[in-house]
């Protein structure tokens, strides 16, 4: 995991807390961190990493067409690309835009929300981290959602107590150490990334080493950003400013396989994740994975996973899902 540490050290993140929310069931809100939420940290739109810490109660979170995931008290949920999402006691309820519910506190500068039907309570506070670019390859390759139990790990008790202290300061209407809290959020993000990468099979984290090289990193970013595009090694090389042979050599050395073999695996992994987490049709998933027909996709999928997509999907629905990543 040395490569991941090297890459993570290059990220320059700043951040803060902008919202303290108290919800009671039933409730459901749609949310996405906006640039204005990040002021006065920056007046410019940069790469925004959103996070929510559940200090009490529980909630469900859904991003896009994925199935809702439960987030319990003491857990941090990170959205590396700040995707629009829905939070609630029930994500099937019509969501209210969170921006309409915010009331800014003059004393602390932190917005507050009190909303819901008076049932089971949940307390959430929301923050952001800003990366210096919007196209950082590492951020682009992470899943849309990562969760972290802050009590785990060697530093878990210290991290959890720091969050609880911050939560109590928010409850009392004061925040004595916003800079320290921002640094804590940055450390938690790095911890979440490392745990996610450690959970992957070796062949699925081979790309991390490639991020050390700017040309290979750019090629990886292009493939992850547009996996369905009809890439060739020559087209990738042209985009990153290398010859075909030079890119193939550097890519194979650092990632462990040639670019087109890596792309084929990426497409299959992406398709498998969508089959497991969404109700999208196999034809649509095949198209989004870069296959010209459902039949060719089915043949390739069966070769990799040992079963046709529909059969594999039914088996996954019966298996317990990993709550850590989406």
Protein backbone atom coordinates (compact mmCIF):
# COMPACT_ATOMS: atom_id res chain seq x y z
CA UNK A 1 0.00 0.00 0.00
CA UNK A 2 3.04 2.30 -0.21
CA UNK A 3 1.86 3.63 -3.57
CA UNK A 4 -1.48 4.73 -2.13
CA UNK A 5 0.29 6.55 0.70
CA UNK A 6 2.52 8.35 -1.81
CA UNK A 7 -0.51 9.48 -3.81
CA UNK A 8 -2.53 10.49 -0.77
CA UNK A 9 0.35 12.64 0.48
CA UNK A 10 0.15 14.68 -2.73
CA UNK A 11 -3.48 15.68 -2.09
CA UNK A 12 -3.79 19.16 -0.66
CA UNK A 13 -7.10 19.41 1.14
CA UNK A 14 -8.79 22.15 3.08
CA UNK A 15 -12.23 21.96 4.59
CA UNK A 16 -14.75 22.75 7.23
CA UNK A 17 -18.18 22.12 8.70
CA UNK A 18 -21.14 24.01 7.27
CA UNK A 19 -24.29 22.31 8.58
CA UNK A 20 -25.64 20.90 11.84
CA UNK A 21 -28.92 19.05 11.21
CA UNK A 22 -31.53 17.50 13.50
CA UNK A 23 -34.06 15.26 11.79
CA UNK A 24 -37.03 13.31 13.11
CA UNK A 25 -38.86 10.56 11.22
CA UNK A 26 -40.36 10.62 8.75
CA UNK A 27 -37.93 12.80 6.81
CA UNK A 28 -36.17 12.83 3.45
CA UNK A 29 -33.94 15.51 1.93
CA UNK A 30 -31.99 15.86 -1.31
CA UNK A 31 -28.51 17.30 -0.90
CA UNK A 32 -25.29 18.32 -2.63
CA UNK A 33 -22.59 20.62 -1.28
CA UNK A 34 -22.58 23.86 -3.28
CA UNK A 35 -19.60 26.22 -3.69
CA UNK A 36 -21.34 28.84 -1.55
CA UNK A 37 -21.46 26.32 1.34
CA UNK A 38 -17.66 26.31 1.29
CA UNK A 39 -17.21 30.04 1.89
CA UNK A 40 -15.27 31.70 3.38
CA UNK A 41 -12.79 28.87 2.74
CA UNK A 42 -12.84 29.57 -0.99
CA UNK A 43 -14.85 31.76 -3.36
CA UNK A 44 -13.98 29.46 -6.27
CA UNK A 45 -15.44 26.17 -7.43
CA UNK A 46 -12.86 23.45 -6.81
CA UNK A 47 -13.02 19.71 -6.39
CA UNK A 48 -15.51 19.24 -3.54
CA UNK A 49 -15.47 16.11 -1.39
CA UNK A 50 -18.62 15.96 0.74
CA UNK A 51 -19.04 14.11 4.01
CA UNK A 52 -21.68 13.53 6.68
CA UNK A 53 -21.08 12.39 10.24
CA UNK A 54 -24.01 10.76 12.03
CA UNK A 55 -23.58 11.66 15.69
CA UNK A 56 -26.89 10.15 16.85
CA UNK A 57 -29.58 7.90 15.41
CA UNK A 58 -29.43 6.41 11.92
CA UNK A 59 -30.27 7.32 8.34
CA UNK A 60 -30.48 5.90 4.85
CA UNK A 61 -28.42 7.35 2.01
CA UNK A 62 -28.95 6.84 -1.71
CA UNK A 63 -26.80 8.09 -4.58
CA UNK A 64 -28.28 7.99 -8.07
CA UNK A 65 -29.89 4.69 -8.96
CA UNK A 66 -28.00 2.68 -6.32
CA UNK A 67 -29.82 0.94 -3.49
CA UNK A 68 -30.06 2.88 -0.20
CA UNK A 69 -27.40 2.16 2.40
CA UNK A 70 -27.85 2.45 6.17
CA UNK A 71 -25.51 4.75 8.09
CA UNK A 72 -25.45 4.34 11.87
CA UNK A 73 -24.37 6.68 14.66
CA UNK A 74 -20.61 6.99 14.88
CA UNK A 75 -20.13 6.48 11.15
CA UNK A 76 -18.77 8.90 8.58
CA UNK A 77 -20.01 8.76 5.00
CA UNK A 78 -17.79 10.28 2.29
CA UNK A 79 -18.84 11.25 -1.24
CA UNK A 80 -15.53 11.76 -3.08
CA UNK A 81 -17.10 13.47 -6.11
CA UNK A 82 -19.89 15.29 -4.27
CA UNK A 83 -22.61 13.44 -6.18
CA UNK A 84 -26.22 14.56 -5.62
CA UNK A 85 -27.76 12.27 -3.03
CA UNK A 86 -30.80 11.66 -0.85
CA UNK A 87 -30.76 11.26 2.94
CA UNK A 88 -33.70 10.22 5.07
CA UNK A 89 -35.45 7.89 7.44
CA UNK A 90 -37.08 6.59 4.24
CA UNK A 91 -35.53 7.49 0.89
CA UNK A 92 -38.73 6.58 -0.96
CA UNK A 93 -40.50 9.63 0.47
CA UNK A 94 -40.58 12.75 -1.75
CA UNK A 95 -37.34 14.57 -0.82
CA UNK A 96 -37.20 18.20 0.26
CA UNK A 97 -34.24 20.23 -1.00
CA UNK A 98 -31.93 20.70 1.98
CA UNK A 99 -31.03 24.23 0.85
CA UNK A 100 -34.62 25.32 1.51
CA UNK A 101 -34.40 24.14 5.13
CA UNK A 102 -31.09 25.76 6.12
CA UNK A 103 -31.01 28.59 8.63
CA UNK A 104 -27.65 30.27 9.11
CA UNK A 105 -26.48 30.82 12.67
CA UNK A 106 -25.01 34.31 13.06
CA UNK A 107 -22.96 33.25 16.08
CA UNK A 108 -21.14 30.26 14.60
CA UNK A 109 -21.61 30.77 10.87
CA UNK A 110 -22.78 27.16 10.66
CA UNK A 111 -26.17 26.55 9.09
CA UNK A 112 -28.76 24.55 10.99
CA UNK A 113 -31.70 22.38 10.01
CA UNK A 114 -34.49 21.15 12.26
CA UNK A 115 -36.91 19.09 10.21
CA UNK A 116 -39.16 16.05 10.31
CA UNK A 117 -42.31 14.47 11.61
CA UNK A 118 -41.44 14.11 15.29
CA UNK A 119 -40.50 10.41 15.32
CA UNK A 120 -37.13 8.69 15.69
CA UNK A 121 -34.36 11.31 15.85
CA UNK A 122 -31.11 11.53 13.90
CA UNK A 123 -28.41 14.15 14.22
CA UNK A 124 -26.05 14.77 11.34
CA UNK A 125 -23.41 17.30 10.66
CA UNK A 126 -22.13 17.93 7.22
CA UNK A 127 -18.81 19.14 5.93
CA UNK A 128 -16.57 19.32 2.93
CA UNK A 129 -12.99 18.94 1.83
CA UNK A 130 -11.65 20.91 -1.13
CA UNK A 131 -8.99 19.47 -3.41
CA UNK A 132 -6.94 21.83 -5.52
CA UNK A 133 -8.17 20.29 -8.78
CA UNK A 134 -11.50 18.89 -9.93
CA UNK A 135 -9.91 16.05 -11.90
CA UNK A 136 -7.61 14.37 -9.41
CA UNK A 137 -7.24 10.80 -10.76
CA UNK A 138 -7.42 9.18 -7.32
CA UNK A 139 -10.68 10.92 -6.45
CA UNK A 140 -12.10 10.01 -9.85
CA UNK A 141 -11.41 6.32 -9.31
CA UNK A 142 -12.95 6.00 -5.87
CA UNK A 143 -16.50 4.68 -5.43
CA UNK A 144 -19.33 7.21 -5.23
CA UNK A 145 -19.77 6.54 -1.51
CA UNK A 146 -17.46 5.29 1.23
CA UNK A 147 -18.40 4.74 4.86
CA UNK A 148 -16.09 4.65 7.86
CA UNK A 149 -16.74 3.51 11.42
CA UNK A 150 -14.63 6.10 13.20
CA UNK A 151 -14.26 3.87 16.27
CA UNK A 152 -12.20 1.28 14.37
CA UNK A 153 -8.44 1.23 14.08
CA UNK A 154 -5.61 2.21 16.41
CA UNK A 155 -6.58 5.90 16.46
CA UNK A 156 -10.28 5.08 16.66
CA UNK A 157 -10.90 6.07 20.31
CA UNK A 158 -9.14 9.42 19.83
CA UNK A 159 -10.97 10.14 16.58
CA UNK A 160 -14.32 9.19 18.03
CA UNK A 161 -13.80 11.32 21.15
CA UNK A 162 -12.75 14.29 18.98
CA UNK A 163 -15.90 13.99 16.91
CA UNK A 164 -18.02 13.67 20.03
CA UNK A 165 -16.40 16.80 21.46
CA UNK A 166 -17.14 18.68 18.26
CA UNK A 167 -20.72 17.40 18.30
CA UNK A 168 -21.17 18.62 21.87
CA UNK A 169 -19.72 22.02 20.91
CA UNK A 170 -22.23 22.22 18.06
CA UNK A 171 -25.03 21.26 20.41
CA UNK A 172 -23.98 24.07 22.74
CA UNK A 173 -23.91 26.55 19.85
CA UNK A 174 -20.15 27.02 19.76
CA UNK A 175 -17.20 25.64 17.83
CA UNK A 176 -13.86 26.37 19.45
CA UNK A 177 -11.55 24.56 17.05
CA UNK A 178 -12.77 24.54 13.42
CA UNK A 179 -9.21 24.21 12.07
CA UNK A 180 -8.59 21.10 14.15
CA UNK A 181 -11.89 19.65 12.97
CA UNK A 182 -10.96 20.31 9.35
CA UNK A 183 -7.67 18.48 9.84
CA UNK A 184 -9.52 15.60 11.48
CA UNK A 185 -11.87 15.34 8.50
CA UNK A 186 -8.85 15.22 6.16
CA UNK A 187 -7.28 12.40 8.18
CA UNK A 188 -10.56 10.49 8.16
CA UNK A 189 -10.84 10.84 4.40
CA UNK A 190 -7.35 9.41 3.98
CA UNK A 191 -8.22 6.59 6.38
CA UNK A 192 -11.41 5.83 4.44
CA UNK A 193 -9.47 5.69 1.16
CA UNK A 194 -6.81 3.40 2.61
CA UNK A 195 -9.40 1.02 4.05
CA UNK A 196 -11.25 0.96 0.74
CA UNK A 197 -8.08 0.17 -1.20
CA UNK A 198 -7.04 -2.48 1.32
CA UNK A 199 -10.42 -4.19 0.85
CA UNK A 200 -9.91 -4.62 -2.89
CA UNK A 201 -8.40 -7.74 -4.44
CA UNK A 202 -4.85 -7.09 -5.71
CA UNK A 203 -5.96 -7.00 -9.36
CA UNK A 204 -8.50 -4.28 -8.59
CA UNK A 205 -6.04 -1.91 -6.95
CA UNK A 206 -3.25 -2.29 -9.49
CA UNK A 207 -4.02 1.20 -10.81
CA UNK A 208 -2.74 2.85 -7.62
CA UNK A 209 0.89 2.40 -8.64
CA UNK A 210 0.15 4.03 -11.98
CA UNK A 211 -0.84 7.27 -10.28
CA UNK A 212 2.82 7.93 -9.51
CA UNK A 213 3.47 8.59 -13.21
CA UNK A 214 1.74 11.66 -14.71
CA UNK A 215 1.24 10.05 -18.13
CA UNK A 216 -0.10 6.75 -16.78
CA UNK A 217 -2.18 8.65 -14.23
CA UNK A 218 -3.78 10.70 -17.01
CA UNK A 219 -4.49 7.57 -19.06
CA UNK A 220 -6.10 5.90 -16.05
CA UNK A 221 -8.21 8.98 -15.42
CA UNK A 222 -9.46 8.97 -19.01
CA UNK A 223 -10.42 5.30 -18.87
CA UNK A 224 -12.19 5.63 -15.54
CA UNK A 225 -13.96 8.79 -16.65
CA UNK A 226 -15.16 7.32 -19.96
CA UNK A 227 -14.95 3.51 -19.79
CA UNK A 228 -17.48 3.05 -22.63
CA UNK A 229 -15.45 5.11 -25.10
CA UNK A 230 -13.75 3.09 -27.85
CA UNK A 231 -10.26 3.61 -26.50
CA UNK A 232 -7.14 2.21 -28.12
CA UNK A 233 -3.65 2.39 -26.72
CA UNK A 234 -2.79 4.74 -29.56
CA UNK A 235 -5.72 7.06 -28.74
CA UNK A 236 -4.76 7.13 -25.05
CA UNK A 237 -1.13 7.84 -25.92
CA UNK A 238 -2.18 10.73 -28.14
CA UNK A 239 -4.29 12.21 -25.32
CA UNK A 240 -1.50 12.03 -22.74
CA UNK A 241 1.33 13.13 -25.06
CA UNK A 242 3.37 9.93 -25.39
CA UNK A 243 4.08 7.48 -28.16
CA UNK A 244 2.02 4.30 -28.22
CA UNK A 245 5.00 2.12 -27.29
CA UNK A 246 6.12 4.43 -24.45
CA UNK A 247 2.66 4.51 -22.87
CA UNK A 248 2.26 0.75 -23.18
CA UNK A 249 5.67 0.21 -21.55
CA UNK A 250 5.11 2.62 -18.63
CA UNK A 251 1.53 1.44 -18.09
CA UNK A 252 2.42 -2.25 -18.03
CA UNK A 253 5.37 -1.65 -15.73
CA UNK A 254 3.40 0.35 -13.15
CA UNK A 255 -0.09 -1.19 -13.39
CA UNK A 256 0.98 -4.75 -14.12
CA UNK A 257 -0.98 -5.24 -17.36
CA UNK A 258 -1.35 -3.52 -20.74
CA UNK A 259 -3.83 -0.63 -21.08
CA UNK A 260 -6.48 -2.52 -23.09
CA UNK A 261 -6.49 -5.50 -20.75
CA UNK A 262 -6.90 -3.13 -17.82
CA UNK A 263 -9.77 -1.37 -19.61
CA UNK A 264 -11.56 -4.68 -20.24
CA UNK A 265 -11.34 -5.53 -16.54
CA UNK A 266 -12.52 -2.06 -15.55
CA UNK A 267 -15.58 -2.38 -17.77
CA UNK A 268 -16.45 -5.76 -16.29
CA UNK A 269 -16.03 -4.57 -12.69
CA UNK A 270 -18.16 -1.48 -13.37
CA UNK A 271 -20.86 -3.58 -15.02
CA UNK A 272 -20.85 -6.06 -12.12
CA UNK A 273 -21.23 -3.25 -9.59
CA UNK A 274 -24.22 -1.83 -11.49
CA UNK A 275 -25.81 -5.27 -11.76
CA UNK A 276 -25.43 -5.72 -8.01
CA UNK A 277 -26.48 -2.26 -6.87
CA UNK A 278 -29.06 -1.05 -9.41
CA UNK A 279 -32.09 -2.20 -11.36
CA UNK A 280 -30.77 -0.94 -14.71
CA UNK A 281 -31.44 -3.26 -17.63
CA UNK A 282 -28.70 -5.58 -18.84
CA UNK A 283 -28.92 -3.99 -22.28
CA UNK A 284 -28.24 -0.53 -20.82
CA UNK A 285 -25.39 -1.80 -18.65
CA UNK A 286 -23.88 -3.52 -21.69
CA UNK A 287 -24.07 -0.29 -23.68
CA UNK A 288 -22.55 1.77 -20.87
CA UNK A 289 -19.74 -0.77 -20.56
CA UNK A 290 -18.78 -0.19 -24.19
CA UNK A 291 -20.32 -3.31 -25.76
CA UNK A 292 -22.16 -3.01 -29.04
CA UNK A 293 -24.66 -5.77 -28.20
CA UNK A 294 -26.12 -7.45 -25.15
CA UNK A 295 -25.06 -10.82 -26.56
CA UNK A 296 -21.37 -9.89 -26.75
CA UNK A 297 -21.54 -8.44 -23.24
CA UNK A 298 -23.21 -11.58 -21.88
CA UNK A 299 -20.53 -13.77 -23.44
CA UNK A 300 -17.70 -11.65 -21.99
CA UNK A 301 -19.36 -11.41 -18.58
CA UNK A 302 -19.87 -15.18 -18.36
CA UNK A 303 -16.23 -15.76 -19.25
CA UNK A 304 -15.12 -13.55 -16.33
CA UNK A 305 -17.72 -14.32 -13.66
CA UNK A 306 -18.78 -17.83 -14.61
CA UNK A 307 -22.47 -17.04 -15.11
CA UNK A 308 -24.63 -14.88 -17.40
CA UNK A 309 -25.40 -11.36 -16.07
CA UNK A 310 -29.03 -12.11 -15.13
CA UNK A 311 -28.10 -15.28 -13.22
CA UNK A 312 -25.18 -13.56 -11.49
CA UNK A 313 -27.42 -10.63 -10.49
CA UNK A 314 -30.00 -12.94 -8.87
CA UNK A 315 -27.26 -14.59 -6.86
CA UNK A 316 -25.94 -11.23 -5.68
CA UNK A 317 -29.39 -10.14 -4.51
CA UNK A 318 -29.42 -13.08 -2.12
CA UNK A 319 -25.93 -12.29 -0.78
CA UNK A 320 -25.30 -9.66 1.94
CA UNK A 321 -23.98 -6.35 0.58
CA UNK A 322 -20.79 -4.69 1.76
CA UNK A 323 -21.90 -1.46 3.51
CA UNK A 324 -18.48 0.14 3.19
CA UNK A 325 -18.46 1.23 -0.46
CA UNK A 326 -20.86 2.05 -3.24
